[in-house]
Amino acid sequence: MSDFLPKEVREGLEQARMADLKKKSRLRVQTGERSVPILRFWESGFAIEAENAPNIRGLVDVFDGARHLYQCLIVASETQDSEIVFDFKRATAAMKEAALDFAPPDDAPVALIGR
């Protein structure tokens, strides 16, 4: 069907689709000081707008609004239309607290009682 539409109409439809994806998504990828909205996200990767992605690679952080979701190692896999698709080499869920380097005893107190 898109073969029969004029080039201007196809470009207008693509711009409208991208604007809709940007508006709906709260997810963003951050590398250093740069933050880019994620258009689509799935278990093994995500897609962002191609014009925002020329230097994004390596270790990045994924956020949902202000909430830190993942720290990921990414690699660009393919370009589809005006999107660049990234695959996760590693995606580690962000933790609120540092991991313990020991096993706490089973009978450890839950809280301390003040005087």
Protein backbone atom coordinates (compact mmCIF):
# COMPACT_ATOMS: atom_id res chain seq x y z
CA MET A 1 0.00 0.00 0.00
CA SER A 2 2.78 2.45 0.83
CA ASP A 3 4.13 2.06 -2.72
CA PHE A 4 1.08 3.87 -4.06
CA LEU A 5 1.26 6.86 -1.70
CA PRO A 6 3.19 9.98 -2.66
CA LYS A 7 6.55 10.45 -0.95
CA GLU A 8 5.32 13.48 1.02
CA VAL A 9 2.38 11.53 2.44
CA ARG A 10 4.61 8.61 3.47
CA GLU A 11 7.04 11.01 5.20
CA GLY A 12 4.14 12.73 6.98
CA LEU A 13 2.79 9.39 8.20
CA GLU A 14 6.23 8.36 9.46
CA GLN A 15 6.67 11.68 11.32
CA ALA A 16 3.23 11.28 12.92
CA ARG A 17 4.06 7.71 13.98
CA MET A 18 7.36 8.79 15.54
CA ALA A 19 5.72 11.69 17.39
CA ASP A 20 3.09 9.32 18.77
CA LEU A 21 5.73 6.85 19.98
CA LYS A 22 7.72 9.63 21.67
CA LYS A 23 4.63 10.99 23.42
CA LYS A 24 3.54 7.59 24.76
CA SER A 25 6.91 6.39 26.08
CA ARG A 26 8.21 7.35 29.52
CA LEU A 27 11.28 5.16 29.06
CA ARG A 28 14.61 6.73 28.24
CA VAL A 29 18.19 5.61 27.86
CA GLN A 30 20.97 7.68 29.42
CA THR A 31 24.65 7.59 28.63
CA GLY A 32 26.73 10.13 30.50
CA GLU A 33 24.86 13.45 30.34
CA ARG A 34 22.87 12.51 27.24
CA SER A 35 19.30 11.20 27.57
CA VAL A 36 17.30 9.79 24.62
CA PRO A 37 13.65 8.62 24.65
CA ILE A 38 13.05 4.93 23.96
CA LEU A 39 10.41 4.36 21.30
CA ARG A 40 9.95 0.60 21.78
CA PHE A 41 11.23 -1.71 24.53
CA TRP A 42 11.22 -5.52 24.82
CA GLU A 43 12.98 -8.21 26.84
CA SER A 44 16.14 -8.41 24.74
CA GLY A 45 16.50 -4.81 23.54
CA PHE A 46 14.98 -1.49 22.57
CA ALA A 47 14.65 0.96 19.68
CA ILE A 48 15.32 4.69 19.55
CA GLU A 49 15.09 7.33 16.85
CA ALA A 50 17.99 7.02 14.39
CA GLU A 51 18.94 10.70 14.41
CA ASN A 52 19.51 10.54 18.22
CA ALA A 53 21.70 7.44 18.20
CA PRO A 54 24.97 7.94 16.32
CA ASN A 55 27.26 7.62 19.36
CA ILE A 56 25.18 5.53 21.77
CA ARG A 57 26.83 2.22 22.63
CA GLY A 58 28.42 0.39 25.51
CA LEU A 59 27.23 0.84 29.09
CA VAL A 60 23.96 2.78 29.45
CA ASP A 61 21.22 3.23 32.04
CA VAL A 62 17.50 2.74 31.33
CA PHE A 63 15.01 4.89 33.26
CA ASP A 64 11.22 4.95 33.58
CA GLY A 65 10.64 8.59 34.41
CA ALA A 66 12.97 9.15 37.38
CA ARG A 67 13.09 5.47 38.41
CA HIS A 68 16.30 3.64 37.46
CA LEU A 69 15.35 0.27 35.93
CA TYR A 70 18.44 -1.28 34.35
CA GLN A 71 22.12 -0.85 33.75
CA CYS A 72 22.78 -2.37 30.31
CA LEU A 73 25.59 -3.19 27.96
CA ILE A 74 24.20 -2.61 24.46
CA VAL A 75 25.15 -3.07 20.83
CA ALA A 76 23.37 -1.70 17.75
CA SER A 77 21.94 -4.56 15.71
CA GLU A 78 19.96 -3.09 12.82
CA THR A 79 18.27 -0.04 11.37
CA GLN A 80 14.54 -0.21 10.63
CA ASP A 81 12.94 2.76 8.86
CA SER A 82 13.95 5.71 11.05
CA GLU A 83 14.79 3.63 14.16
CA ILE A 84 17.96 1.98 15.38
CA VAL A 85 17.45 -1.29 17.23
CA PHE A 86 19.78 -2.14 20.11
CA ASP A 87 20.27 -5.58 21.65
CA PHE A 88 21.28 -6.19 25.26
CA LYS A 89 24.54 -8.01 25.84
CA ARG A 90 23.80 -7.63 29.55
CA ALA A 91 20.84 -6.06 31.38
CA THR A 92 21.16 -5.87 35.16
CA ALA A 93 18.22 -4.70 37.22
CA ALA A 94 19.05 -1.62 39.28
CA MET A 95 19.00 -2.13 43.05
CA LYS A 96 18.07 0.46 45.66
CA GLU A 97 20.68 -0.90 48.07
CA ALA A 98 24.09 -2.40 47.58
CA ALA A 99 24.27 -6.19 47.61
CA LEU A 100 25.50 -7.77 50.83
CA ASP A 101 28.84 -9.53 50.64
CA PHE A 102 27.86 -11.90 53.47
CA ALA A 103 24.87 -14.00 54.51
CA PRO A 104 23.06 -12.44 57.49
CA PRO A 105 22.45 -14.84 60.40
CA ASP A 106 18.93 -16.22 60.75
CA ASP A 107 18.58 -14.89 64.33
CA ALA A 108 19.79 -11.33 63.56
CA PRO A 109 17.72 -8.58 65.21
CA VAL A 110 15.27 -6.77 62.97
CA ALA A 111 15.63 -3.41 64.77
CA LEU A 112 17.33 -1.90 67.78
CA ILE A 113 15.39 -0.68 70.81
CA GLY A 114 16.45 2.74 72.07
CA ARG A 115 16.94 3.60 75.76
